[in-house]
PDB file of N, CA and C in Angstrom:
ATOM      1  N   UNK A   1      18.597   1.940  -1.132  1.00  0.00           N
ATOM      2  CA  UNK A   1      18.101   2.023   0.232  1.00  0.00           C
ATOM      3  C   UNK A   1      17.053   3.158   0.393  1.00  0.00           C
ATOM      4  N   UNK A   2      17.516   4.297  -0.075  1.00  0.00           N
ATOM      5  CA  UNK A   2      16.802   5.340  -0.033  1.00  0.00           C
ATOM      6  C   UNK A   2      15.518   5.494  -0.677  1.00  0.00           C
ATOM      7  N   UNK A   3      15.558   4.773  -1.814  1.00  0.00           N
ATOM      8  CA  UNK A   3      14.236   4.573  -2.647  1.00  0.00           C
ATOM      9  C   UNK A   3      13.226   3.705  -1.843  1.00  0.00           C
ATOM     10  N   UNK A   4      13.852   2.822  -1.382  1.00  0.00           N
ATOM     11  CA  UNK A   4      13.024   1.871  -0.458  1.00  0.00           C
ATOM     12  C   UNK A   4      12.150   2.361   0.595  1.00  0.00           C
ATOM     13  N   UNK A   5      13.045   3.265   1.221  1.00  0.00           N
ATOM     14  CA  UNK A   5      12.513   4.098   2.447  1.00  0.00           C
ATOM     15  C   UNK A   5      11.491   4.952   2.045  1.00  0.00           C
ATOM     16  N   UNK A   6      11.716   5.793   0.858  1.00  0.00           N
ATOM     17  CA  UNK A   6      10.737   6.703   0.443  1.00  0.00           C
ATOM     18  C   UNK A   6       9.487   5.880  -0.063  1.00  0.00           C
ATOM     19  N   UNK A   7       9.614   4.694  -0.739  1.00  0.00           N
ATOM     20  CA  UNK A   7       8.662   4.077  -0.920  1.00  0.00           C
ATOM     21  C   UNK A   7       7.679   3.483   0.174  1.00  0.00           C
ATOM     22  N   UNK A   8       8.418   3.121   1.066  1.00  0.00           N
ATOM     23  CA  UNK A   8       7.796   2.485   2.335  1.00  0.00           C
ATOM     24  C   UNK A   8       6.834   3.672   3.091  1.00  0.00           C
ATOM     25  N   UNK A   9       7.511   4.916   3.006  1.00  0.00           N
ATOM     26  CA  UNK A   9       6.659   6.058   3.559  1.00  0.00           C
ATOM     27  C   UNK A   9       5.398   6.324   2.804  1.00  0.00           C
ATOM     28  N   UNK A  10       5.737   6.327   1.385  1.00  0.00           N
ATOM     29  CA  UNK A  10       4.437   6.446   0.325  1.00  0.00           C
ATOM     30  C   UNK A  10       3.445   5.374   0.778  1.00  0.00           C
ATOM     31  N   UNK A  11       3.817   4.134   0.618  1.00  0.00           N
ATOM     32  CA  UNK A  11       3.058   2.966   0.830  1.00  0.00           C
ATOM     33  C   UNK A  11       2.452   2.947   2.255  1.00  0.00           C
ATOM     34  N   UNK A  12       2.886   3.474   3.287  1.00  0.00           N
ATOM     35  CA  UNK A  12       2.446   3.464   4.476  1.00  0.00           C
ATOM     36  C   UNK A  12       1.473   4.481   4.652  1.00  0.00           C
ATOM     37  N   UNK A  13       1.538   5.655   3.888  1.00  0.00           N
ATOM     38  CA  UNK A  13       0.419   6.668   3.970  1.00  0.00           C
ATOM     39  C   UNK A  13      -0.621   6.184   3.187  1.00  0.00           C
ATOM     40  N   UNK A  14      -0.595   5.367   2.003  1.00  0.00           N
ATOM     41  CA  UNK A  14      -1.685   4.995   1.383  1.00  0.00           C
ATOM     42  C   UNK A  14      -2.223   3.813   2.181  1.00  0.00           C
ATOM     43  N   UNK A  15      -1.438   2.936   2.922  1.00  0.00           N
ATOM     44  CA  UNK A  15      -2.048   1.911   3.594  1.00  0.00           C
ATOM     45  C   UNK A  15      -3.041   2.281   4.613  1.00  0.00           C
ATOM     46  N   UNK A  16      -2.492   3.400   5.304  1.00  0.00           N
ATOM     47  CA  UNK A  16      -3.299   3.783   6.481  1.00  0.00           C
ATOM     48  C   UNK A  16      -4.781   4.153   6.084  1.00  0.00           C
ATOM     49  N   UNK A  17      -4.843   4.825   4.905  1.00  0.00           N
ATOM     50  CA  UNK A  17      -6.280   4.953   4.409  1.00  0.00           C
ATOM     51  C   UNK A  17      -7.076   3.808   4.003  1.00  0.00           C
ATOM     52  N   UNK A  18      -6.362   2.671   3.857  1.00  0.00           N
ATOM     53  CA  UNK A  18      -7.168   1.499   3.445  1.00  0.00           C
ATOM     54  C   UNK A  18      -7.204   0.597   4.784  1.00  0.00           C
ATOM     55  N   UNK A  19      -6.828   0.960   5.891  1.00  0.00           N
ATOM     56  CA  UNK A  19      -6.969   0.003   6.910  1.00  0.00           C
ATOM     57  C   UNK A  19      -8.212  -0.368   7.329  1.00  0.00           C
ATOM     58  N   UNK A  20      -8.403  -1.653   7.681  1.00  0.00           N
ATOM     59  CA  UNK A  20      -9.611  -2.241   8.184  1.00  0.00           C
ATOM     60  C   UNK A  20     -10.244  -1.702   9.502  1.00  0.00           C
ATOM     61  N   UNK A  21      -9.410  -0.828  10.228  1.00  0.00           N
ATOM     62  CA  UNK A  21      -9.916  -0.229  11.327  1.00  0.00           C
ATOM     63  C   UNK A  21     -10.685   1.036  11.083  1.00  0.00           C
ATOM     64  N   UNK A  22     -11.075   1.460  10.085  1.00  0.00           N
ATOM     65  CA  UNK A  22     -11.866   2.633   9.783  1.00  0.00           C
ATOM     66  C   UNK A  22     -11.120   3.879   9.709  1.00  0.00           C
ATOM     67  N   UNK A  23      -9.877   3.732   9.120  1.00  0.00           N
ATOM     68  CA  UNK A  23      -9.032   4.929   9.009  1.00  0.00           C
ATOM     69  C   UNK A  23      -9.809   5.948   7.936  1.00  0.00           C
ATOM     70  N   UNK A  24      -9.459   7.084   7.935  1.00  0.00           N
ATOM     71  CA  UNK A  24     -10.026   7.974   6.887  1.00  0.00           C
ATOM     72  C   UNK A  24      -9.420   7.670   5.575  1.00  0.00           C
ATOM     73  N   UNK A  25      -9.891   7.818   4.389  1.00  0.00           N
ATOM     74  CA  UNK A  25      -9.373   7.450   3.092  1.00  0.00           C
ATOM     75  C   UNK A  25      -8.232   8.140   2.622  1.00  0.00           C
ATOM     76  N   UNK A  26      -8.028   9.376   3.224  1.00  0.00           N
ATOM     77  CA  UNK A  26      -6.883  10.033   2.830  1.00  0.00           C
ATOM     78  C   UNK A  26      -5.549   9.781   3.718  1.00  0.00           C
ATOM     79  N   UNK A  27      -5.845   9.065   4.697  1.00  0.00           N
ATOM     80  CA  UNK A  27      -4.778   8.617   5.656  1.00  0.00           C
ATOM     81  C   UNK A  27      -4.135   7.409   5.125  1.00  0.00           C
ATOM     82  N   UNK A  28      -2.821   7.518   4.874  1.00  0.00           N
ATOM     83  CA  UNK A  28      -2.032   6.330   4.214  1.00  0.00           C
ATOM     84  C   UNK A  28      -1.263   5.528   5.273  1.00  0.00           C
ATOM     85  N   UNK A  29      -1.469   5.883   6.465  1.00  0.00           N
ATOM     86  CA  UNK A  29      -0.515   5.216   7.545  1.00  0.00           C
ATOM     87  C   UNK A  29      -0.919   3.777   7.476  1.00  0.00           C
ATOM     88  N   UNK A  30      -2.108   3.295   7.290  1.00  0.00           N
ATOM     89  CA  UNK A  30      -2.490   2.016   7.214  1.00  0.00           C
ATOM     90  C   UNK A  30      -1.908   1.310   6.046  1.00  0.00           C
ATOM     91  N   UNK A  31      -1.689   1.845   5.024  1.00  0.00           N
ATOM     92  CA  UNK A  31      -1.311   1.214   3.746  1.00  0.00           C
ATOM     93  C   UNK A  31       0.248   0.828   4.259  1.00  0.00           C
ATOM     94  N   UNK A  32       0.875   1.992   4.829  1.00  0.00           N
ATOM     95  CA  UNK A  32       2.363   1.717   5.173  1.00  0.00           C
ATOM     96  C   UNK A  32       2.368   0.666   6.204  1.00  0.00           C
ATOM     97  N   UNK A  33       1.477   0.674   7.300  1.00  0.00           N
ATOM     98  CA  UNK A  33       1.533  -0.444   8.192  1.00  0.00           C
ATOM     99  C   UNK A  33       1.585  -1.712   7.870  1.00  0.00           C
ATOM    100  N   UNK A  34       0.552  -2.006   6.909  1.00  0.00           N
ATOM    101  CA  UNK A  34       0.165  -3.322   6.620  1.00  0.00           C
ATOM    102  C   UNK A  34       0.836  -3.891   5.275  1.00  0.00           C
ATOM    103  N   UNK A  35       1.404  -2.811   4.431  1.00  0.00           N
ATOM    104  CA  UNK A  35       1.717  -3.372   3.166  1.00  0.00           C
ATOM    105  C   UNK A  35       3.387  -3.160   2.903  1.00  0.00           C
ATOM    106  N   UNK A  36       4.041  -2.646   3.821  1.00  0.00           N
ATOM    107  CA  UNK A  36       5.551  -2.259   3.658  1.00  0.00           C
ATOM    108  C   UNK A  36       6.231  -3.630   3.430  1.00  0.00           C
ATOM    109  N   UNK A  37       5.938  -4.541   4.381  1.00  0.00           N
ATOM    110  CA  UNK A  37       6.520  -5.868   4.043  1.00  0.00           C
ATOM    111  C   UNK A  37       6.404  -6.567   2.619  1.00  0.00           C
ATOM    112  N   UNK A  38       4.987  -6.392   2.312  1.00  0.00           N
ATOM    113  CA  UNK A  38       4.754  -6.959   0.924  1.00  0.00           C
ATOM    114  C   UNK A  38       5.574  -6.399  -0.022  1.00  0.00           C
ATOM    115  N   UNK A  39       5.508  -4.969  -0.061  1.00  0.00           N
ATOM    116  CA  UNK A  39       6.236  -4.018  -0.853  1.00  0.00           C
ATOM    117  C   UNK A  39       7.816  -4.585  -1.116  1.00  0.00           C
ATOM    118  N   UNK A  40       8.369  -4.740   0.170  1.00  0.00           N
ATOM    119  CA  UNK A  40       9.719  -5.354   0.041  1.00  0.00           C
ATOM    120  C   UNK A  40       9.720  -6.731  -0.638  1.00  0.00           C
ATOM    121  N   UNK A  41       8.849  -7.552  -0.316  1.00  0.00           N
ATOM    122  CA  UNK A  41       8.877  -8.815  -0.682  1.00  0.00           C
ATOM    123  C   UNK A  41       8.610  -9.011  -2.249  1.00  0.00           C
ATOM    124  N   UNK A  42       7.716  -8.433  -2.660  1.00  0.00           N
ATOM    125  CA  UNK A  42       7.280  -8.523  -4.270  1.00  0.00           C
ATOM    126  C   UNK A  42       7.493  -7.350  -4.982  1.00  0.00           C
ATOM    127  N   UNK A  43       7.831  -6.181  -4.516  1.00  0.00           N
ATOM    128  CA  UNK A  43       8.125  -5.094  -5.453  1.00  0.00           C
ATOM    129  C   UNK A  43       9.283  -4.092  -5.022  1.00  0.00           C
ATOM    130  N   UNK A  44       9.942  -4.607  -4.048  1.00  0.00           N
ATOM    131  CA  UNK A  44      11.225  -3.818  -3.603  1.00  0.00           C
ATOM    132  C   UNK A  44      12.096  -3.187  -4.500  1.00  0.00           C
ATOM    133  N   UNK A  45      12.199  -3.805  -5.885  1.00  0.00           N
ATOM    134  CA  UNK A  45      13.268  -3.460  -6.768  1.00  0.00           C
ATOM    135  C   UNK A  45      12.619  -2.340  -7.686  1.00  0.00           C
ATOM    136  N   UNK A  46      11.282  -1.909  -7.351  1.00  0.00           N
ATOM    137  CA  UNK A  46      10.598  -0.754  -8.092  1.00  0.00           C
ATOM    138  C   UNK A  46      10.814   0.470  -7.244  1.00  0.00           C
ATOM    139  N   UNK A  47      10.691   1.624  -7.967  1.00  0.00           N
ATOM    140  CA  UNK A  47      10.628   2.951  -7.442  1.00  0.00           C
ATOM    141  C   UNK A  47       9.335   3.117  -6.613  1.00  0.00           C
ATOM    142  N   UNK A  48       9.353   3.470  -5.490  1.00  0.00           N
ATOM    143  CA  UNK A  48       8.217   3.411  -4.435  1.00  0.00           C
ATOM    144  C   UNK A  48       7.038   4.327  -4.994  1.00  0.00           C
ATOM    145  N   UNK A  49       7.240   5.326  -5.811  1.00  0.00           N
ATOM    146  CA  UNK A  49       6.064   6.273  -6.037  1.00  0.00           C
ATOM    147  C   UNK A  49       5.785   5.921  -7.509  1.00  0.00           C
ATOM    148  N   UNK A  50       6.217   4.997  -8.171  1.00  0.00           N
ATOM    149  CA  UNK A  50       6.050   4.835  -9.613  1.00  0.00           C
ATOM    150  C   UNK A  50       4.769   4.080  -9.925  1.00  0.00           C
ATOM    151  N   UNK A  51       4.176   4.220 -11.026  1.00  0.00           N
ATOM    152  CA  UNK A  51       3.115   3.332 -11.327  1.00  0.00           C
ATOM    153  C   UNK A  51       3.234   1.837 -11.384  1.00  0.00           C
ATOM    154  N   UNK A  52       4.465   1.498 -11.586  1.00  0.00           N
ATOM    155  CA  UNK A  52       4.891   0.195 -11.696  1.00  0.00           C
ATOM    156  C   UNK A  52       4.662  -0.507 -10.376  1.00  0.00           C
ATOM    157  N   UNK A  53       4.711   0.153  -9.256  1.00  0.00           N
ATOM    158  CA  UNK A  53       4.366  -0.451  -7.959  1.00  0.00           C
ATOM    159  C   UNK A  53       2.980  -0.850  -7.935  1.00  0.00           C
ATOM    160  N   UNK A  54       2.275   0.044  -8.327  1.00  0.00           N
ATOM    161  CA  UNK A  54       0.712  -0.263  -8.357  1.00  0.00           C
ATOM    162  C   UNK A  54       0.418  -1.675  -9.241  1.00  0.00           C
ATOM    163  N   UNK A  55       1.027  -1.737 -10.304  1.00  0.00           N
ATOM    164  CA  UNK A  55       0.888  -2.756 -11.139  1.00  0.00           C
ATOM    165  C   UNK A  55       1.514  -3.955 -10.569  1.00  0.00           C
ATOM    166  N   UNK A  56       2.665  -3.959  -9.824  1.00  0.00           N
ATOM    167  CA  UNK A  56       3.180  -5.161  -9.077  1.00  0.00           C
ATOM    168  C   UNK A  56       2.176  -5.656  -7.998  1.00  0.00           C
ATOM    169  N   UNK A  57       1.463  -4.620  -7.321  1.00  0.00           N
ATOM    170  CA  UNK A  57       0.709  -5.013  -6.186  1.00  0.00           C
ATOM    171  C   UNK A  57      -0.552  -5.725  -7.040  1.00  0.00           C
ATOM    172  N   UNK A  58      -1.015  -5.295  -8.007  1.00  0.00           N
ATOM    173  CA  UNK A  58      -2.066  -5.943  -8.727  1.00  0.00           C
ATOM    174  C   UNK A  58      -1.550  -7.290  -9.172  1.00  0.00           C
ATOM    175  N   UNK A  59      -0.503  -7.420  -9.740  1.00  0.00           N
ATOM    176  CA  UNK A  59      -0.059  -8.711 -10.271  1.00  0.00           C
ATOM    177  C   UNK A  59       0.081  -9.679  -9.184  1.00  0.00           C
ATOM    178  N   UNK A  60       0.356  -9.367  -7.930  1.00  0.00           N
ATOM    179  CA  UNK A  60       0.881 -10.057  -6.768  1.00  0.00           C
ATOM    180  C   UNK A  60      -0.370 -10.029  -5.679  1.00  0.00           C
ATOM    181  N   UNK A  61      -1.423  -9.539  -5.980  1.00  0.00           N
ATOM    182  CA  UNK A  61      -2.586  -9.491  -5.164  1.00  0.00           C
ATOM    183  C   UNK A  61      -2.846 -10.657  -4.418  1.00  0.00           C
ATOM    184  N   UNK A  62      -2.903 -12.026  -4.856  1.00  0.00           N
ATOM    185  CA  UNK A  62      -3.289 -13.077  -4.221  1.00  0.00           C
ATOM    186  C   UNK A  62      -2.056 -13.520  -3.208  1.00  0.00           C
ATOM    187  N   UNK A  63      -1.033 -12.865  -3.402  1.00  0.00           N
ATOM    188  CA  UNK A  63       0.160 -13.255  -2.488  1.00  0.00           C
ATOM    189  C   UNK A  63       0.339 -12.264  -1.222  1.00  0.00           C
ATOM    190  N   UNK A  64      -0.307 -11.264  -1.405  1.00  0.00           N
ATOM    191  CA  UNK A  64      -0.270 -10.107  -0.312  1.00  0.00           C
ATOM    192  C   UNK A  64      -0.947 -10.654   0.924  1.00  0.00           C
ATOM    193  N   UNK A  65      -0.433 -10.261   2.025  1.00  0.00           N
ATOM    194  CA  UNK A  65      -1.011 -10.315   3.241  1.00  0.00           C
ATOM    195  C   UNK A  65      -2.502 -10.042   3.438  1.00  0.00           C
ATOM    196  N   UNK A  66      -3.316 -10.774   4.156  1.00  0.00           N
ATOM    197  CA  UNK A  66      -4.613 -10.358   4.326  1.00  0.00           C
ATOM    198  C   UNK A  66      -4.918  -8.908   4.644  1.00  0.00           C
ATOM    199  N   UNK A  67      -3.995  -8.538   5.657  1.00  0.00           N
ATOM    200  CA  UNK A  67      -4.226  -7.109   6.198  1.00  0.00           C
ATOM    201  C   UNK A  67      -3.789  -6.050   5.166  1.00  0.00           C
ATOM    202  N   UNK A  68      -2.826  -6.350   4.283  1.00  0.00           N
ATOM    203  CA  UNK A  68      -2.615  -5.523   3.015  1.00  0.00           C
ATOM    204  C   UNK A  68      -3.552  -5.484   2.144  1.00  0.00           C
ATOM    205  N   UNK A  69      -4.139  -6.404   1.758  1.00  0.00           N
ATOM    206  CA  UNK A  69      -5.288  -6.634   0.976  1.00  0.00           C
ATOM    207  C   UNK A  69      -6.395  -5.847   1.330  1.00  0.00           C
ATOM    208  N   UNK A  70      -6.721  -5.875   2.687  1.00  0.00           N
ATOM    209  CA  UNK A  70      -7.909  -5.101   3.221  1.00  0.00           C
ATOM    210  C   UNK A  70      -7.437  -3.658   3.087  1.00  0.00           C
ATOM    211  N   UNK A  71      -6.331  -3.266   3.482  1.00  0.00           N
ATOM    212  CA  UNK A  71      -5.857  -1.970   3.415  1.00  0.00           C
ATOM    213  C   UNK A  71      -6.134  -1.321   2.073  1.00  0.00           C
ATOM    214  N   UNK A  72      -5.607  -1.952   1.076  1.00  0.00           N
ATOM    215  CA  UNK A  72      -5.722  -1.619  -0.219  1.00  0.00           C
ATOM    216  C   UNK A  72      -7.272  -1.444  -0.604  1.00  0.00           C
ATOM    217  N   UNK A  73      -8.015  -2.303  -0.186  1.00  0.00           N
ATOM    218  CA  UNK A  73      -9.202  -2.227  -0.676  1.00  0.00           C
ATOM    219  C   UNK A  73     -10.135  -1.148  -0.019  1.00  0.00           C
ATOM    220  N   UNK A  74      -9.726  -0.925   1.318  1.00  0.00           N
ATOM    221  CA  UNK A  74     -10.373   0.207   2.021  1.00  0.00           C
ATOM    222  C   UNK A  74      -9.894   1.603   1.403  1.00  0.00           C
ATOM    223  N   UNK A  75      -8.564   1.610   1.031  1.00  0.00           N
ATOM    224  CA  UNK A  75      -8.055   2.837   0.547  1.00  0.00           C
ATOM    225  C   UNK A  75      -8.657   3.265  -0.883  1.00  0.00           C
ATOM    226  N   UNK A  76      -8.840   2.215  -1.669  1.00  0.00           N
ATOM    227  CA  UNK A  76      -9.420   2.244  -2.944  1.00  0.00           C
ATOM    228  C   UNK A  76     -10.859   2.799  -2.917  1.00  0.00           C
ATOM    229  N   UNK A  77     -11.586   2.274  -2.193  1.00  0.00           N
ATOM    230  CA  UNK A  77     -13.072   2.479  -1.772  1.00  0.00           C
ATOM    231  C   UNK A  77     -13.032   3.908  -1.467  1.00  0.00           C
ATOM    232  N   UNK A  78     -12.187   4.254  -0.484  1.00  0.00           N
ATOM    233  CA  UNK A  78     -12.100   5.648   0.045  1.00  0.00           C
ATOM    234  C   UNK A  78     -11.725   6.697  -1.093  1.00  0.00           C
ATOM    235  N   UNK A  79     -10.906   6.233  -1.830  1.00  0.00           N
ATOM    236  CA  UNK A  79     -10.412   7.407  -3.021  1.00  0.00           C
ATOM    237  C   UNK A  79     -11.686   7.420  -3.995  1.00  0.00           C
ATOM    238  N   UNK A  80     -12.514   6.477  -4.164  1.00  0.00           N
ATOM    239  CA  UNK A  80     -13.684   6.443  -5.109  1.00  0.00           C
ATOM    240  C   UNK A  80     -14.796   7.314  -4.558  1.00  0.00           C
ATOM    241  N   UNK A  81     -14.897   7.300  -3.120  1.00  0.00           N
ATOM    242  CA  UNK A  81     -15.859   8.134  -2.528  1.00  0.00           C
ATOM    243  C   UNK A  81     -15.488   9.620  -2.493  1.00  0.00           C
ATOM    244  N   UNK A  82     -14.133   9.834  -2.111  1.00  0.00           N
ATOM    245  CA  UNK A  82     -13.708  11.229  -1.885  1.00  0.00           C
ATOM    246  C   UNK A  82     -13.328  11.728  -3.268  1.00  0.00           C
TER     247      UNK A  82
END
C-alpha cells in the first residue's frame, strides 16, 4: 500500500505537468490528478517510480482515460521544451 501511495504521489506530480489546462511542464499534479486511477487499474503491481511504470503506461496507452492521455502528452511536450 505504501508503494502505491508513493507512486500515486509521483504520478500526480507528473500528471500535473501534463494537464490539458495549461499547467507548467514541471508541475506533476495534473499527472497525479488524471492518471492515478489508471495507474492502479493497469500498473498498480509495479513500483511507482520505476521505469516499468512508464513502460506499462506506454503498453496500455489506448486503454488510459482521455484526461490521463492528455496529461501525459502535455507533460512529455513540456519536458522536451524544458
